[in-house]
PDB file of N, CA and C in Angstrom:
ATOM      1  N   MET A   1       0.949  -1.103   0.056  1.00  0.00           N
ATOM      2  CA  MET A   1       0.016  -0.022  -0.029  1.00  0.00           C
ATOM      3  C   MET A   1       0.786   1.053   0.044  1.00  0.00           C
ATOM      4  N   PHE A   2       0.352   2.313  -0.557  1.00  0.00           N
ATOM      5  CA  PHE A   2       1.100   3.695  -0.812  1.00  0.00           C
ATOM      6  C   PHE A   2       0.191   4.640  -0.308  1.00  0.00           C
ATOM      7  N   LYS A   3       0.850   5.722   0.281  1.00  0.00           N
ATOM      8  CA  LYS A   3       0.218   7.109   0.641  1.00  0.00           C
ATOM      9  C   LYS A   3       1.094   8.239  -0.042  1.00  0.00           C
ATOM     10  N   TYR A   4       0.415   9.268  -0.254  1.00  0.00           N
ATOM     11  CA  TYR A   4       1.258  10.487  -0.707  1.00  0.00           C
ATOM     12  C   TYR A   4       1.244  11.522   0.587  1.00  0.00           C
ATOM     13  N   ILE A   5       2.256  12.342   0.406  1.00  0.00           N
ATOM     14  CA  ILE A   5       2.236  13.518   1.379  1.00  0.00           C
ATOM     15  C   ILE A   5       2.672  14.735   0.483  1.00  0.00           C
ATOM     16  N   ILE A   6       1.948  15.709   0.604  1.00  0.00           N
ATOM     17  CA  ILE A   6       2.340  16.968  -0.174  1.00  0.00           C
ATOM     18  C   ILE A   6       2.630  18.138   0.518  1.00  0.00           C
ATOM     19  N   TRP A   7       3.773  18.640   0.227  1.00  0.00           N
ATOM     20  CA  TRP A   7       4.543  19.731   0.869  1.00  0.00           C
ATOM     21  C   TRP A   7       4.289  20.973   0.055  1.00  0.00           C
ATOM     22  N   HIS A   8       4.337  22.146   0.475  1.00  0.00           N
ATOM     23  CA  HIS A   8       4.395  23.390  -0.354  1.00  0.00           C
ATOM     24  C   HIS A   8       5.421  24.369   0.324  1.00  0.00           C
ATOM     25  N   ASP A   9       6.474  24.706  -0.387  1.00  0.00           N
ATOM     26  CA  ASP A   9       7.443  25.689   0.044  1.00  0.00           C
ATOM     27  C   ASP A   9       7.914  25.536   1.492  1.00  0.00           C
ATOM     28  N   GLY A  10       8.123  24.123   1.811  1.00  0.00           N
ATOM     29  CA  GLY A  10       8.716  23.523   2.983  1.00  0.00           C
ATOM     30  C   GLY A  10       7.541  23.242   3.944  1.00  0.00           C
ATOM     31  N   GLY A  11       6.348  23.499   3.902  1.00  0.00           N
ATOM     32  CA  GLY A  11       5.324  23.280   4.894  1.00  0.00           C
ATOM     33  C   GLY A  11       4.404  22.198   4.263  1.00  0.00           C
ATOM     34  N   TRP A  12       3.920  21.174   5.192  1.00  0.00           N
ATOM     35  CA  TRP A  12       3.165  20.141   5.093  1.00  0.00           C
ATOM     36  C   TRP A  12       1.802  20.578   4.870  1.00  0.00           C
ATOM     37  N   LEU A  13       1.170  20.094   3.767  1.00  0.00           N
ATOM     38  CA  LEU A  13      -0.098  20.420   3.395  1.00  0.00           C
ATOM     39  C   LEU A  13      -1.226  19.220   3.693  1.00  0.00           C
ATOM     40  N   ARG A  14      -0.563  17.915   3.163  1.00  0.00           N
ATOM     41  CA  ARG A  14      -1.604  16.916   3.271  1.00  0.00           C
ATOM     42  C   ARG A  14      -0.936  15.403   3.137  1.00  0.00           C
ATOM     43  N   ASP A  15      -1.352  14.665   4.033  1.00  0.00           N
ATOM     44  CA  ASP A  15      -1.149  13.275   3.991  1.00  0.00           C
ATOM     45  C   ASP A  15      -2.210  12.299   3.708  1.00  0.00           C
ATOM     46  N   SER A  16      -2.203  11.764   2.537  1.00  0.00           N
ATOM     47  CA  SER A  16      -3.374  10.997   2.422  1.00  0.00           C
ATOM     48  C   SER A  16      -3.957  10.122   3.359  1.00  0.00           C
ATOM     49  N   SER A  17      -3.059   9.473   4.133  1.00  0.00           N
ATOM     50  CA  SER A  17      -3.574   8.410   5.091  1.00  0.00           C
ATOM     51  C   SER A  17      -4.283   9.217   6.346  1.00  0.00           C
ATOM     52  N   ASP A  18      -4.028  10.307   6.489  1.00  0.00           N
ATOM     53  CA  ASP A  18      -4.671  11.171   7.644  1.00  0.00           C
ATOM     54  C   ASP A  18      -6.292  11.281   7.004  1.00  0.00           C
ATOM     55  N   LEU A  19      -6.458  11.227   5.782  1.00  0.00           N
ATOM     56  CA  LEU A  19      -7.854  11.351   5.202  1.00  0.00           C
ATOM     57  C   LEU A  19      -8.271   9.788   5.042  1.00  0.00           C
ATOM     58  N   GLY A  20      -7.636   8.847   5.465  1.00  0.00           N
ATOM     59  CA  GLY A  20      -7.962   7.425   5.186  1.00  0.00           C
ATOM     60  C   GLY A  20      -7.804   6.754   3.795  1.00  0.00           C
ATOM     61  N   TYR A  21      -6.916   7.462   2.943  1.00  0.00           N
ATOM     62  CA  TYR A  21      -6.734   7.248   1.769  1.00  0.00           C
ATOM     63  C   TYR A  21      -5.498   6.410   1.557  1.00  0.00           C
ATOM     64  N   LEU A  22      -5.293   5.217   1.194  1.00  0.00           N
ATOM     65  CA  LEU A  22      -4.237   4.317   0.840  1.00  0.00           C
ATOM     66  C   LEU A  22      -4.551   3.819  -0.499  1.00  0.00           C
ATOM     67  N   TYR A  23      -3.285   3.430  -1.268  1.00  0.00           N
ATOM     68  CA  TYR A  23      -3.455   3.169  -2.547  1.00  0.00           C
ATOM     69  C   TYR A  23      -2.744   1.708  -2.792  1.00  0.00           C
ATOM     70  N   GLU A  24      -3.200   1.043  -3.832  1.00  0.00           N
ATOM     71  CA  GLU A  24      -2.537  -0.161  -4.309  1.00  0.00           C
ATOM     72  C   GLU A  24      -1.421  -0.065  -4.749  1.00  0.00           C
ATOM     73  N   THR A  25      -1.162   0.751  -5.771  1.00  0.00           N
ATOM     74  CA  THR A  25      -0.003   1.112  -6.525  1.00  0.00           C
ATOM     75  C   THR A  25       0.663   2.564  -6.166  1.00  0.00           C
ATOM     76  N   GLU A  26       1.996   2.465  -6.474  1.00  0.00           N
ATOM     77  CA  GLU A  26       2.671   3.758  -6.337  1.00  0.00           C
ATOM     78  C   GLU A  26       2.159   4.768  -7.627  1.00  0.00           C
ATOM     79  N   GLU A  27       1.808   4.334  -8.478  1.00  0.00           N
ATOM     80  CA  GLU A  27       1.273   5.039  -9.573  1.00  0.00           C
ATOM     81  C   GLU A  27      -0.035   5.659  -9.309  1.00  0.00           C
ATOM     82  N   GLU A  28      -0.869   4.994  -8.714  1.00  0.00           N
ATOM     83  CA  GLU A  28      -2.350   5.487  -8.388  1.00  0.00           C
ATOM     84  C   GLU A  28      -2.117   6.494  -7.335  1.00  0.00           C
ATOM     85  N   ALA A  29      -1.092   6.238  -6.275  1.00  0.00           N
ATOM     86  CA  ALA A  29      -0.765   7.103  -5.322  1.00  0.00           C
ATOM     87  C   ALA A  29      -0.360   8.498  -6.172  1.00  0.00           C
ATOM     88  N   ARG A  30       0.533   8.539  -7.098  1.00  0.00           N
ATOM     89  CA  ARG A  30       1.011   9.634  -7.724  1.00  0.00           C
ATOM     90  C   ARG A  30      -0.061  10.351  -8.301  1.00  0.00           C
ATOM     91  N   GLU A  31      -1.022   9.507  -9.178  1.00  0.00           N
ATOM     92  CA  GLU A  31      -2.045  10.216  -9.798  1.00  0.00           C
ATOM     93  C   GLU A  31      -2.798  10.901  -8.881  1.00  0.00           C
ATOM     94  N   GLU A  32      -3.207  10.420  -7.732  1.00  0.00           N
ATOM     95  CA  GLU A  32      -4.292  11.022  -6.849  1.00  0.00           C
ATOM     96  C   GLU A  32      -3.386  12.173  -6.104  1.00  0.00           C
ATOM     97  N   SER A  33      -2.168  12.195  -5.912  1.00  0.00           N
ATOM     98  CA  SER A  33      -1.464  13.400  -5.416  1.00  0.00           C
ATOM     99  C   SER A  33      -1.457  14.695  -6.440  1.00  0.00           C
ATOM    100  N   GLU A  34      -1.486  14.294  -7.755  1.00  0.00           N
ATOM    101  CA  GLU A  34      -1.333  15.078  -8.748  1.00  0.00           C
ATOM    102  C   GLU A  34      -2.754  15.885  -8.572  1.00  0.00           C
ATOM    103  N   LEU A  35      -3.774  15.112  -8.526  1.00  0.00           N
ATOM    104  CA  LEU A  35      -5.082  15.980  -8.408  1.00  0.00           C
ATOM    105  C   LEU A  35      -5.404  16.466  -7.243  1.00  0.00           C
ATOM    106  N   ALA A  36      -4.829  16.183  -6.075  1.00  0.00           N
ATOM    107  CA  ALA A  36      -4.797  16.993  -4.873  1.00  0.00           C
ATOM    108  C   ALA A  36      -4.131  18.194  -5.071  1.00  0.00           C
ATOM    109  N   LYS A  37      -2.868  18.189  -5.481  1.00  0.00           N
ATOM    110  CA  LYS A  37      -2.089  19.444  -5.898  1.00  0.00           C
ATOM    111  C   LYS A  37      -3.009  20.482  -6.688  1.00  0.00           C
ATOM    112  N   GLU A  38      -3.635  19.919  -7.810  1.00  0.00           N
ATOM    113  CA  GLU A  38      -4.295  20.699  -8.694  1.00  0.00           C
ATOM    114  C   GLU A  38      -5.435  21.239  -8.037  1.00  0.00           C
ATOM    115  N   GLU A  39      -6.042  20.540  -6.932  1.00  0.00           N
ATOM    116  CA  GLU A  39      -7.146  21.200  -6.142  1.00  0.00           C
ATOM    117  C   GLU A  39      -6.556  22.297  -5.370  1.00  0.00           C
ATOM    118  N   TYR A  40      -5.515  22.162  -4.726  1.00  0.00           N
ATOM    119  CA  TYR A  40      -4.767  23.293  -3.834  1.00  0.00           C
ATOM    120  C   TYR A  40      -4.620  24.650  -4.778  1.00  0.00           C
ATOM    121  N   MET A  41      -4.170  24.465  -6.150  1.00  0.00           N
ATOM    122  CA  MET A  41      -3.917  25.528  -6.877  1.00  0.00           C
ATOM    123  C   MET A  41      -5.081  26.128  -7.425  1.00  0.00           C
ATOM    124  N   ARG A  42      -6.060  25.294  -7.705  1.00  0.00           N
ATOM    125  CA  ARG A  42      -7.506  25.903  -8.106  1.00  0.00           C
ATOM    126  C   ARG A  42      -8.130  26.741  -7.019  1.00  0.00           C
ATOM    127  N   ASP A  43      -8.052  26.023  -5.819  1.00  0.00           N
ATOM    128  CA  ASP A  43      -8.633  26.949  -4.627  1.00  0.00           C
ATOM    129  C   ASP A  43      -7.737  28.283  -4.222  1.00  0.00           C
ATOM    130  N   TRP A  44      -6.424  28.195  -4.476  1.00  0.00           N
ATOM    131  CA  TRP A  44      -5.542  29.225  -4.228  1.00  0.00           C
ATOM    132  C   TRP A  44      -5.836  30.272  -5.112  1.00  0.00           C
ATOM    133  N   ASP A  45      -6.038  29.885  -6.559  1.00  0.00           N
ATOM    134  CA  ASP A  45      -6.425  30.843  -7.644  1.00  0.00           C
ATOM    135  C   ASP A  45      -7.744  31.473  -7.318  1.00  0.00           C
ATOM    136  N   ILE A  46      -8.553  30.751  -6.675  1.00  0.00           N
ATOM    137  CA  ILE A  46      -9.973  31.581  -6.351  1.00  0.00           C
ATOM    138  C   ILE A  46      -9.799  32.357  -5.427  1.00  0.00           C
ATOM    139  N   GLU A  47      -8.976  32.222  -4.365  1.00  0.00           N
ATOM    140  CA  GLU A  47      -8.908  33.158  -3.223  1.00  0.00           C
ATOM    141  C   GLU A  47      -7.841  34.379  -3.705  1.00  0.00           C
ATOM    142  N   GLY A  48      -7.336  34.258  -4.866  1.00  0.00           N
ATOM    143  CA  GLY A  48      -6.397  35.156  -5.404  1.00  0.00           C
ATOM    144  C   GLY A  48      -4.899  35.140  -4.667  1.00  0.00           C
ATOM    145  N   SER A  49      -4.597  34.086  -4.154  1.00  0.00           N
ATOM    146  CA  SER A  49      -3.357  33.808  -3.639  1.00  0.00           C
ATOM    147  C   SER A  49      -2.196  33.613  -4.617  1.00  0.00           C
ATOM    148  N   GLU A  50      -1.073  33.995  -4.326  1.00  0.00           N
ATOM    149  CA  GLU A  50      -0.006  33.823  -5.138  1.00  0.00           C
ATOM    150  C   GLU A  50       0.869  32.588  -4.787  1.00  0.00           C
ATOM    151  N   TYR A  51       1.421  31.711  -5.628  1.00  0.00           N
ATOM    152  CA  TYR A  51       1.984  30.677  -5.369  1.00  0.00           C
ATOM    153  C   TYR A  51       2.916  30.219  -6.574  1.00  0.00           C
ATOM    154  N   ASP A  52       3.902  29.558  -6.549  1.00  0.00           N
ATOM    155  CA  ASP A  52       4.787  28.857  -7.524  1.00  0.00           C
ATOM    156  C   ASP A  52       4.546  27.504  -7.642  1.00  0.00           C
ATOM    157  N   PRO A  53       4.089  27.160  -8.688  1.00  0.00           N
ATOM    158  CA  PRO A  53       3.682  25.470  -8.820  1.00  0.00           C
ATOM    159  C   PRO A  53       5.013  24.561  -8.588  1.00  0.00           C
ATOM    160  N   ASP A  54       5.975  25.236  -8.749  1.00  0.00           N
ATOM    161  CA  ASP A  54       7.342  24.426  -8.546  1.00  0.00           C
ATOM    162  C   ASP A  54       7.600  24.329  -7.063  1.00  0.00           C
ATOM    163  N   ASP A  55       6.989  24.902  -6.271  1.00  0.00           N
ATOM    164  CA  ASP A  55       7.307  24.873  -4.737  1.00  0.00           C
ATOM    165  C   ASP A  55       6.684  23.791  -4.204  1.00  0.00           C
ATOM    166  N   PHE A  56       5.859  23.103  -4.968  1.00  0.00           N
ATOM    167  CA  PHE A  56       5.147  21.961  -4.280  1.00  0.00           C
ATOM    168  C   PHE A  56       6.180  20.632  -4.516  1.00  0.00           C
ATOM    169  N   GLU A  57       6.085  19.900  -3.279  1.00  0.00           N
ATOM    170  CA  GLU A  57       6.737  18.507  -3.276  1.00  0.00           C
ATOM    171  C   GLU A  57       6.009  17.342  -2.941  1.00  0.00           C
ATOM    172  N   ILE A  58       5.854  16.195  -3.680  1.00  0.00           N
ATOM    173  CA  ILE A  58       5.129  15.194  -3.602  1.00  0.00           C
ATOM    174  C   ILE A  58       5.929  14.080  -3.036  1.00  0.00           C
ATOM    175  N   GLU A  59       5.685  13.501  -2.011  1.00  0.00           N
ATOM    176  CA  GLU A  59       6.404  12.337  -1.823  1.00  0.00           C
ATOM    177  C   GLU A  59       5.387  11.038  -1.533  1.00  0.00           C
ATOM    178  N   ILE A  60       5.834  10.039  -2.252  1.00  0.00           N
ATOM    179  CA  ILE A  60       5.106   8.771  -2.158  1.00  0.00           C
ATOM    180  C   ILE A  60       5.771   7.692  -1.250  1.00  0.00           C
ATOM    181  N   VAL A  61       5.012   7.254  -0.306  1.00  0.00           N
ATOM    182  CA  VAL A  61       5.617   6.466   0.889  1.00  0.00           C
ATOM    183  C   VAL A  61       4.890   5.081   0.616  1.00  0.00           C
ATOM    184  N   GLU A  62       5.769   3.875   0.692  1.00  0.00           N
ATOM    185  CA  GLU A  62       5.123   2.649   0.941  1.00  0.00           C
ATOM    186  C   GLU A  62       4.762   2.463   2.392  1.00  0.00           C
ATOM    187  N   VAL A  63       3.483   2.096   2.845  1.00  0.00           N
ATOM    188  CA  VAL A  63       3.152   1.696   4.021  1.00  0.00           C
ATOM    189  C   VAL A  63       2.791   0.404   4.408  1.00  0.00           C
TER     190      VAL A  63
END
């Protein structure tokens, strides 16, 4: 099983296992993490926040 952790500019944003999400494959975890990252960027766009997409880091962890 795999989970993802998303960081932005050195700060922790989300650990998928905290939400109860674990994935069968590393690829599935990576795909879901990209969707979550896009969700953050979309929300920040709505709020008018400034961010650099390159400041996101995604870590895939086997659990």
